[in-house]
Amino acid sequence: MEIKILGSGCSRCRELEKRTREALEKAGFHASVTKVDQMQDIARYHVMATPALVVDEVVETKGRIPSVEEVIQILIRHFA
C-alpha cells in the first residue's frame, strides 16, 4: 500500500500526515507515506484543494482533514 499526502507543507498538510501515521499505527497496517508538495505533481491528481489523501493512487479526501477513525476506515477498504 502506498499513501501520499498532497499539499504545500502547511500546518493542515502536516496534521493530515500525523493523523494518517496514527491511523496506520492504530490499525496495525504498514505502508509507505510520501509527501507530494510540487504543484505540478498535485495537479496530476486533479486536486484543487489541499490537503489531500491518496491511497494506492486513488484520491480519498481533498480539501479537509479527516479524523483518525475515518482514515482507518479508508485504509481498511484498501487492505480488504
PDB file of N, CA and C in Angstrom:
ATOM      1  N   MET A   1       0.850  -1.171   0.000  1.00  0.00           N
ATOM      2  CA  MET A   1       0.000   0.000   0.000  1.00  0.00           C
ATOM      3  C   MET A   1       0.894   1.231   0.000  1.00  0.00           C
ATOM      4  N   GLU A   2       0.509   2.184  -0.828  1.00  0.00           N
ATOM      5  CA  GLU A   2       1.243   3.441  -0.931  1.00  0.00           C
ATOM      6  C   GLU A   2       0.294   4.590  -0.611  1.00  0.00           C
ATOM      7  N   ILE A   3       0.719   5.442   0.308  1.00  0.00           N
ATOM      8  CA  ILE A   3      -0.081   6.585   0.721  1.00  0.00           C
ATOM      9  C   ILE A   3       0.670   7.858   0.379  1.00  0.00           C
ATOM     10  N   LYS A   4      -0.065   8.820  -0.167  1.00  0.00           N
ATOM     11  CA  LYS A   4       0.522  10.120  -0.486  1.00  0.00           C
ATOM     12  C   LYS A   4      -0.294  11.219   0.172  1.00  0.00           C
ATOM     13  N   ILE A   5       0.414  12.178   0.739  1.00  0.00           N
ATOM     14  CA  ILE A   5      -0.204  13.367   1.291  1.00  0.00           C
ATOM     15  C   ILE A   5       0.109  14.495   0.324  1.00  0.00           C
ATOM     16  N   LEU A   6      -0.929  15.045  -0.296  1.00  0.00           N
ATOM     17  CA  LEU A   6      -0.735  16.127  -1.256  1.00  0.00           C
ATOM     18  C   LEU A   6      -0.941  17.460  -0.563  1.00  0.00           C
ATOM     19  N   GLY A   7       0.026  18.350  -0.708  1.00  0.00           N
ATOM     20  CA  GLY A   7      -0.110  19.678  -0.131  1.00  0.00           C
ATOM     21  C   GLY A   7       1.221  20.399  -0.093  1.00  0.00           C
ATOM     22  N   SER A   8       1.139  21.675   0.184  1.00  0.00           N
ATOM     23  CA  SER A   8       2.317  22.541   0.135  1.00  0.00           C
ATOM     24  C   SER A   8       3.230  22.417   1.347  1.00  0.00           C
ATOM     25  N   GLY A   9       2.811  21.687   2.356  1.00  0.00           N
ATOM     26  CA  GLY A   9       3.607  21.571   3.566  1.00  0.00           C
ATOM     27  C   GLY A   9       3.087  22.465   4.682  1.00  0.00           C
ATOM     28  N   CYS A  10       1.895  22.965   4.518  1.00  0.00           N
ATOM     29  CA  CYS A  10       1.279  23.838   5.519  1.00  0.00           C
ATOM     30  C   CYS A  10       0.903  23.037   6.768  1.00  0.00           C
ATOM     31  N   SER A  11       0.427  23.720   7.774  1.00  0.00           N
ATOM     32  CA  SER A  11       0.068  23.047   9.031  1.00  0.00           C
ATOM     33  C   SER A  11      -1.048  22.017   8.823  1.00  0.00           C
ATOM     34  N   ARG A  12      -1.984  22.299   7.918  1.00  0.00           N
ATOM     35  CA  ARG A  12      -3.064  21.338   7.642  1.00  0.00           C
ATOM     36  C   ARG A  12      -2.514  20.073   6.987  1.00  0.00           C
ATOM     37  N   CYS A  13      -1.546  20.227   6.120  1.00  0.00           N
ATOM     38  CA  CYS A  13      -0.925  19.073   5.470  1.00  0.00           C
ATOM     39  C   CYS A  13      -0.152  18.238   6.487  1.00  0.00           C
ATOM     40  N   ARG A  14       0.555  18.910   7.375  1.00  0.00           N
ATOM     41  CA  ARG A  14       1.294  18.194   8.425  1.00  0.00           C
ATOM     42  C   ARG A  14       0.333  17.459   9.355  1.00  0.00           C
ATOM     43  N   GLU A  15      -0.815  18.062   9.643  1.00  0.00           N
ATOM     44  CA  GLU A  15      -1.810  17.411  10.506  1.00  0.00           C
ATOM     45  C   GLU A  15      -2.373  16.163   9.823  1.00  0.00           C
ATOM     46  N   LEU A  16      -2.632  16.239   8.522  1.00  0.00           N
ATOM     47  CA  LEU A  16      -3.125  15.062   7.795  1.00  0.00           C
ATOM     48  C   LEU A  16      -2.085  13.952   7.829  1.00  0.00           C
ATOM     49  N   GLU A  17      -0.826  14.291   7.658  1.00  0.00           N
ATOM     50  CA  GLU A  17       0.226  13.280   7.723  1.00  0.00           C
ATOM     51  C   GLU A  17       0.267  12.649   9.119  1.00  0.00           C
ATOM     52  N   LYS A  18       0.180  13.471  10.151  1.00  0.00           N
ATOM     53  CA  LYS A  18       0.198  12.974  11.528  1.00  0.00           C
ATOM     54  C   LYS A  18      -0.960  12.013  11.776  1.00  0.00           C
ATOM     55  N   ARG A  19      -2.163  12.397  11.357  1.00  0.00           N
ATOM     56  CA  ARG A  19      -3.334  11.543  11.559  1.00  0.00           C
ATOM     57  C   ARG A  19      -3.228  10.252  10.755  1.00  0.00           C
ATOM     58  N   THR A  20      -2.668  10.348   9.566  1.00  0.00           N
ATOM     59  CA  THR A  20      -2.505   9.155   8.730  1.00  0.00           C
ATOM     60  C   THR A  20      -1.542   8.172   9.378  1.00  0.00           C
ATOM     61  N   ARG A  21      -0.431   8.677   9.870  1.00  0.00           N
ATOM     62  CA  ARG A  21       0.545   7.803  10.545  1.00  0.00           C
ATOM     63  C   ARG A  21      -0.059   7.197  11.817  1.00  0.00           C
ATOM     64  N   GLU A  22      -0.847   7.993  12.543  1.00  0.00           N
ATOM     65  CA  GLU A  22      -1.514   7.486  13.740  1.00  0.00           C
ATOM     66  C   GLU A  22      -2.513   6.385  13.370  1.00  0.00           C
ATOM     67  N   ALA A  23      -3.253   6.595  12.286  1.00  0.00           N
ATOM     68  CA  ALA A  23      -4.225   5.596  11.829  1.00  0.00           C
ATOM     69  C   ALA A  23      -3.522   4.300  11.447  1.00  0.00           C
ATOM     70  N   LEU A  24      -2.410   4.400  10.753  1.00  0.00           N
ATOM     71  CA  LEU A  24      -1.645   3.206  10.381  1.00  0.00           C
ATOM     72  C   LEU A  24      -1.210   2.437  11.624  1.00  0.00           C
ATOM     73  N   GLU A  25      -0.722   3.171  12.604  1.00  0.00           N
ATOM     74  CA  GLU A  25      -0.258   2.523  13.828  1.00  0.00           C
ATOM     75  C   GLU A  25      -1.411   1.871  14.581  1.00  0.00           C
ATOM     76  N   LYS A  26      -2.517   2.594  14.738  1.00  0.00           N
ATOM     77  CA  LYS A  26      -3.674   2.049  15.460  1.00  0.00           C
ATOM     78  C   LYS A  26      -4.238   0.812  14.778  1.00  0.00           C
ATOM     79  N   ALA A  27      -4.266   0.827  13.450  1.00  0.00           N
ATOM     80  CA  ALA A  27      -4.836  -0.293  12.701  1.00  0.00           C
ATOM     81  C   ALA A  27      -3.837  -1.437  12.528  1.00  0.00           C
ATOM     82  N   GLY A  28      -2.569  -1.167  12.812  1.00  0.00           N
ATOM     83  CA  GLY A  28      -1.557  -2.205  12.663  1.00  0.00           C
ATOM     84  C   GLY A  28      -1.159  -2.463  11.224  1.00  0.00           C
ATOM     85  N   PHE A  29      -1.363  -1.475  10.361  1.00  0.00           N
ATOM     86  CA  PHE A  29      -1.007  -1.608   8.950  1.00  0.00           C
ATOM     87  C   PHE A  29       0.371  -1.005   8.698  1.00  0.00           C
ATOM     88  N   HIS A  30       1.021  -1.511   7.678  1.00  0.00           N
ATOM     89  CA  HIS A  30       2.311  -0.973   7.265  1.00  0.00           C
ATOM     90  C   HIS A  30       2.175  -0.442   5.843  1.00  0.00           C
ATOM     91  N   ALA A  31       2.628   0.778   5.646  1.00  0.00           N
ATOM     92  CA  ALA A  31       2.551   1.392   4.318  1.00  0.00           C
ATOM     93  C   ALA A  31       3.574   2.511   4.239  1.00  0.00           C
ATOM     94  N   SER A  32       3.995   2.821   3.040  1.00  0.00           N
ATOM     95  CA  SER A  32       4.874   3.977   2.871  1.00  0.00           C
ATOM     96  C   SER A  32       4.010   5.234   2.785  1.00  0.00           C
ATOM     97  N   VAL A  33       4.479   6.299   3.414  1.00  0.00           N
ATOM     98  CA  VAL A  33       3.783   7.584   3.378  1.00  0.00           C
ATOM     99  C   VAL A  33       4.725   8.592   2.750  1.00  0.00           C
ATOM    100  N   THR A  34       4.277   9.171   1.643  1.00  0.00           N
ATOM    101  CA  THR A  34       5.081  10.132   0.900  1.00  0.00           C
ATOM    102  C   THR A  34       4.370  11.467   0.857  1.00  0.00           C
ATOM    103  N   LYS A  35       5.138  12.540   0.998  1.00  0.00           N
ATOM    104  CA  LYS A  35       4.574  13.879   0.858  1.00  0.00           C
ATOM    105  C   LYS A  35       4.810  14.353  -0.568  1.00  0.00           C
ATOM    106  N   VAL A  36       3.770  14.880  -1.183  1.00  0.00           N
ATOM    107  CA  VAL A  36       3.863  15.434  -2.539  1.00  0.00           C
ATOM    108  C   VAL A  36       3.554  16.916  -2.403  1.00  0.00           C
ATOM    109  N   ASP A  37       4.572  17.761  -2.650  1.00  0.00           N
ATOM    110  CA  ASP A  37       4.379  19.190  -2.427  1.00  0.00           C
ATOM    111  C   ASP A  37       4.578  20.058  -3.666  1.00  0.00           C
ATOM    112  N   GLN A  38       4.910  19.455  -4.766  1.00  0.00           N
ATOM    113  CA  GLN A  38       5.076  20.214  -6.008  1.00  0.00           C
ATOM    114  C   GLN A  38       3.727  20.352  -6.711  1.00  0.00           C
ATOM    115  N   MET A  39       3.361  21.580  -7.051  1.00  0.00           N
ATOM    116  CA  MET A  39       2.041  21.839  -7.630  1.00  0.00           C
ATOM    117  C   MET A  39       1.787  21.045  -8.909  1.00  0.00           C
ATOM    118  N   GLN A  40       2.786  20.883  -9.757  1.00  0.00           N
ATOM    119  CA  GLN A  40       2.572  20.130 -10.994  1.00  0.00           C
ATOM    120  C   GLN A  40       2.275  18.662 -10.697  1.00  0.00           C
ATOM    121  N   ASP A  41       2.852  18.115  -9.627  1.00  0.00           N
ATOM    122  CA  ASP A  41       2.574  16.732  -9.239  1.00  0.00           C
ATOM    123  C   ASP A  41       1.184  16.617  -8.612  1.00  0.00           C
ATOM    124  N   ILE A  42       0.809  17.596  -7.790  1.00  0.00           N
ATOM    125  CA  ILE A  42      -0.521  17.608  -7.180  1.00  0.00           C
ATOM    126  C   ILE A  42      -1.588  17.725  -8.265  1.00  0.00           C
ATOM    127  N   ALA A  43      -1.351  18.553  -9.274  1.00  0.00           N
ATOM    128  CA  ALA A  43      -2.317  18.775 -10.355  1.00  0.00           C
ATOM    129  C   ALA A  43      -2.606  17.490 -11.129  1.00  0.00           C
ATOM    130  N   ARG A  44      -1.665  16.578 -11.170  1.00  0.00           N
ATOM    131  CA  ARG A  44      -1.882  15.300 -11.877  1.00  0.00           C
ATOM    132  C   ARG A  44      -3.025  14.491 -11.261  1.00  0.00           C
ATOM    133  N   TYR A  45      -3.333  14.776 -10.009  1.00  0.00           N
ATOM    134  CA  TYR A  45      -4.421  14.077  -9.327  1.00  0.00           C
ATOM    135  C   TYR A  45      -5.737  14.854  -9.432  1.00  0.00           C
ATOM    136  N   HIS A  46      -5.735  15.954 -10.161  1.00  0.00           N
ATOM    137  CA  HIS A  46      -6.918  16.804 -10.344  1.00  0.00           C
ATOM    138  C   HIS A  46      -7.451  17.307  -9.005  1.00  0.00           C
ATOM    139  N   VAL A  47      -6.537  17.604  -8.101  1.00  0.00           N
ATOM    140  CA  VAL A  47      -6.877  18.129  -6.782  1.00  0.00           C
ATOM    141  C   VAL A  47      -6.711  19.638  -6.807  1.00  0.00           C
ATOM    142  N   MET A  48      -7.782  20.350  -6.458  1.00  0.00           N
ATOM    143  CA  MET A  48      -7.738  21.803  -6.438  1.00  0.00           C
ATOM    144  C   MET A  48      -7.662  22.351  -5.019  1.00  0.00           C
ATOM    145  N   ALA A  49      -7.968  21.522  -4.021  1.00  0.00           N
ATOM    146  CA  ALA A  49      -7.932  21.951  -2.624  1.00  0.00           C
ATOM    147  C   ALA A  49      -7.119  20.944  -1.822  1.00  0.00           C
ATOM    148  N   THR A  50      -6.143  21.444  -1.089  1.00  0.00           N
ATOM    149  CA  THR A  50      -5.312  20.582  -0.266  1.00  0.00           C
ATOM    150  C   THR A  50      -5.611  20.858   1.198  1.00  0.00           C
ATOM    151  N   PRO A  51      -5.280  19.940   2.065  1.00  0.00           N
ATOM    152  CA  PRO A  51      -4.529  18.711   1.828  1.00  0.00           C
ATOM    153  C   PRO A  51      -5.410  17.635   1.208  1.00  0.00           C
ATOM    154  N   ALA A  52      -4.746  16.673   0.600  1.00  0.00           N
ATOM    155  CA  ALA A  52      -5.463  15.547   0.012  1.00  0.00           C
ATOM    156  C   ALA A  52      -4.764  14.256   0.418  1.00  0.00           C
ATOM    157  N   LEU A  53      -5.565  13.220   0.577  1.00  0.00           N
ATOM    158  CA  LEU A  53      -5.063  11.899   0.935  1.00  0.00           C
ATOM    159  C   LEU A  53      -5.258  10.972  -0.259  1.00  0.00           C
ATOM    160  N   VAL A  54      -4.172  10.379  -0.718  1.00  0.00           N
ATOM    161  CA  VAL A  54      -4.204   9.459  -1.857  1.00  0.00           C
ATOM    162  C   VAL A  54      -3.724   8.099  -1.362  1.00  0.00           C
ATOM    163  N   VAL A  55      -4.525   7.071  -1.600  1.00  0.00           N
ATOM    164  CA  VAL A  55      -4.160   5.707  -1.208  1.00  0.00           C
ATOM    165  C   VAL A  55      -4.178   4.844  -2.456  1.00  0.00           C
ATOM    166  N   ASP A  56      -3.038   4.241  -2.750  1.00  0.00           N
ATOM    167  CA  ASP A  56      -2.899   3.397  -3.947  1.00  0.00           C
ATOM    168  C   ASP A  56      -3.417   4.119  -5.187  1.00  0.00           C
ATOM    169  N   GLU A  57      -3.011   5.389  -5.343  1.00  0.00           N
ATOM    170  CA  GLU A  57      -3.322   6.231  -6.498  1.00  0.00           C
ATOM    171  C   GLU A  57      -4.792   6.625  -6.603  1.00  0.00           C
ATOM    172  N   VAL A  58      -5.576   6.430  -5.540  1.00  0.00           N
ATOM    173  CA  VAL A  58      -6.979   6.852  -5.505  1.00  0.00           C
ATOM    174  C   VAL A  58      -7.083   8.027  -4.539  1.00  0.00           C
ATOM    175  N   VAL A  59      -7.606   9.163  -5.017  1.00  0.00           N
ATOM    176  CA  VAL A  59      -7.807  10.314  -4.148  1.00  0.00           C
ATOM    177  C   VAL A  59      -8.995  10.002  -3.239  1.00  0.00           C
ATOM    178  N   GLU A  60      -8.718   9.913  -1.938  1.00  0.00           N
ATOM    179  CA  GLU A  60      -9.751   9.552  -0.968  1.00  0.00           C
ATOM    180  C   GLU A  60     -10.378  10.780  -0.303  1.00  0.00           C
ATOM    181  N   THR A  61      -9.571  11.785   0.006  1.00  0.00           N
ATOM    182  CA  THR A  61     -10.105  13.025   0.577  1.00  0.00           C
ATOM    183  C   THR A  61      -9.338  14.187  -0.020  1.00  0.00           C
ATOM    184  N   LYS A  62      -9.997  15.337  -0.069  1.00  0.00           N
ATOM    185  CA  LYS A  62      -9.312  16.543  -0.532  1.00  0.00           C
ATOM    186  C   LYS A  62      -9.966  17.762   0.099  1.00  0.00           C
ATOM    187  N   GLY A  63      -9.120  18.734   0.436  1.00  0.00           N
ATOM    188  CA  GLY A  63      -9.599  19.992   0.978  1.00  0.00           C
ATOM    189  C   GLY A  63     -10.036  19.942   2.433  1.00  0.00           C
ATOM    190  N   ARG A  64      -9.756  18.835   3.121  1.00  0.00           N
ATOM    191  CA  ARG A  64     -10.142  18.726   4.527  1.00  0.00           C
ATOM    192  C   ARG A  64      -9.232  17.721   5.221  1.00  0.00           C
ATOM    193  N   ILE A  65      -9.319  17.713   6.541  1.00  0.00           N
ATOM    194  CA  ILE A  65      -8.510  16.787   7.332  1.00  0.00           C
ATOM    195  C   ILE A  65      -9.457  15.768   7.968  1.00  0.00           C
ATOM    196  N   PRO A  66      -9.447  14.536   7.479  1.00  0.00           N
ATOM    197  CA  PRO A  66     -10.327  13.516   8.061  1.00  0.00           C
ATOM    198  C   PRO A  66      -9.841  13.120   9.455  1.00  0.00           C
ATOM    199  N   SER A  67     -10.743  12.595  10.256  1.00  0.00           N
ATOM    200  CA  SER A  67     -10.377  12.105  11.589  1.00  0.00           C
ATOM    201  C   SER A  67      -9.515  10.852  11.442  1.00  0.00           C
ATOM    202  N   VAL A  68      -8.843  10.500  12.523  1.00  0.00           N
ATOM    203  CA  VAL A  68      -8.048   9.272  12.525  1.00  0.00           C
ATOM    204  C   VAL A  68      -8.946   8.075  12.224  1.00  0.00           C
ATOM    205  N   GLU A  69     -10.128   8.069  12.805  1.00  0.00           N
ATOM    206  CA  GLU A  69     -11.058   6.963  12.585  1.00  0.00           C
ATOM    207  C   GLU A  69     -11.473   6.855  11.118  1.00  0.00           C
ATOM    208  N   GLU A  70     -11.695   7.992  10.473  1.00  0.00           N
ATOM    209  CA  GLU A  70     -12.050   7.969   9.057  1.00  0.00           C
ATOM    210  C   GLU A  70     -10.893   7.448   8.215  1.00  0.00           C
ATOM    211  N   VAL A  71      -9.687   7.846   8.546  1.00  0.00           N
ATOM    212  CA  VAL A  71      -8.516   7.350   7.811  1.00  0.00           C
ATOM    213  C   VAL A  71      -8.402   5.837   7.985  1.00  0.00           C
ATOM    214  N   ILE A  72      -8.650   5.348   9.196  1.00  0.00           N
ATOM    215  CA  ILE A  72      -8.606   3.900   9.424  1.00  0.00           C
ATOM    216  C   ILE A  72      -9.610   3.191   8.518  1.00  0.00           C
ATOM    217  N   GLN A  73     -10.815   3.724   8.409  1.00  0.00           N
ATOM    218  CA  GLN A  73     -11.834   3.112   7.546  1.00  0.00           C
ATOM    219  C   GLN A  73     -11.400   3.117   6.084  1.00  0.00           C
ATOM    220  N   ILE A  74     -10.767   4.188   5.645  1.00  0.00           N
ATOM    221  CA  ILE A  74     -10.247   4.264   4.271  1.00  0.00           C
ATOM    222  C   ILE A  74      -9.186   3.181   4.074  1.00  0.00           C
ATOM    223  N   LEU A  75      -8.282   3.046   5.028  1.00  0.00           N
ATOM    224  CA  LEU A  75      -7.213   2.045   4.923  1.00  0.00           C
ATOM    225  C   LEU A  75      -7.776   0.634   4.894  1.00  0.00           C
ATOM    226  N   ILE A  76      -8.769   0.385   5.718  1.00  0.00           N
ATOM    227  CA  ILE A  76      -9.389  -0.955   5.746  1.00  0.00           C
ATOM    228  C   ILE A  76      -9.960  -1.307   4.376  1.00  0.00           C
ATOM    229  N   ARG A  77     -10.608  -0.342   3.721  1.00  0.00           N
ATOM    230  CA  ARG A  77     -11.148  -0.602   2.373  1.00  0.00           C
ATOM    231  C   ARG A  77     -10.048  -1.000   1.405  1.00  0.00           C
ATOM    232  N   HIS A  78      -8.875  -0.426   1.541  1.00  0.00           N
ATOM    233  CA  HIS A  78      -7.785  -0.745   0.630  1.00  0.00           C
ATOM    234  C   HIS A  78      -7.068  -2.036   0.997  1.00  0.00           C
ATOM    235  N   PHE A  79      -7.097  -2.412   2.254  1.00  0.00           N
ATOM    236  CA  PHE A  79      -6.467  -3.654   2.663  1.00  0.00           C
ATOM    237  C   PHE A  79      -7.356  -4.853   2.403  1.00  0.00           C
ATOM    238  N   ALA A  80      -8.661  -4.625   2.242  1.00  0.00           N
ATOM    239  CA  ALA A  80      -9.598  -5.731   2.042  1.00  0.00           C
ATOM    240  C   ALA A  80      -9.499  -6.327   0.655  1.00  0.00           C
TER     241      ALA A  80
END
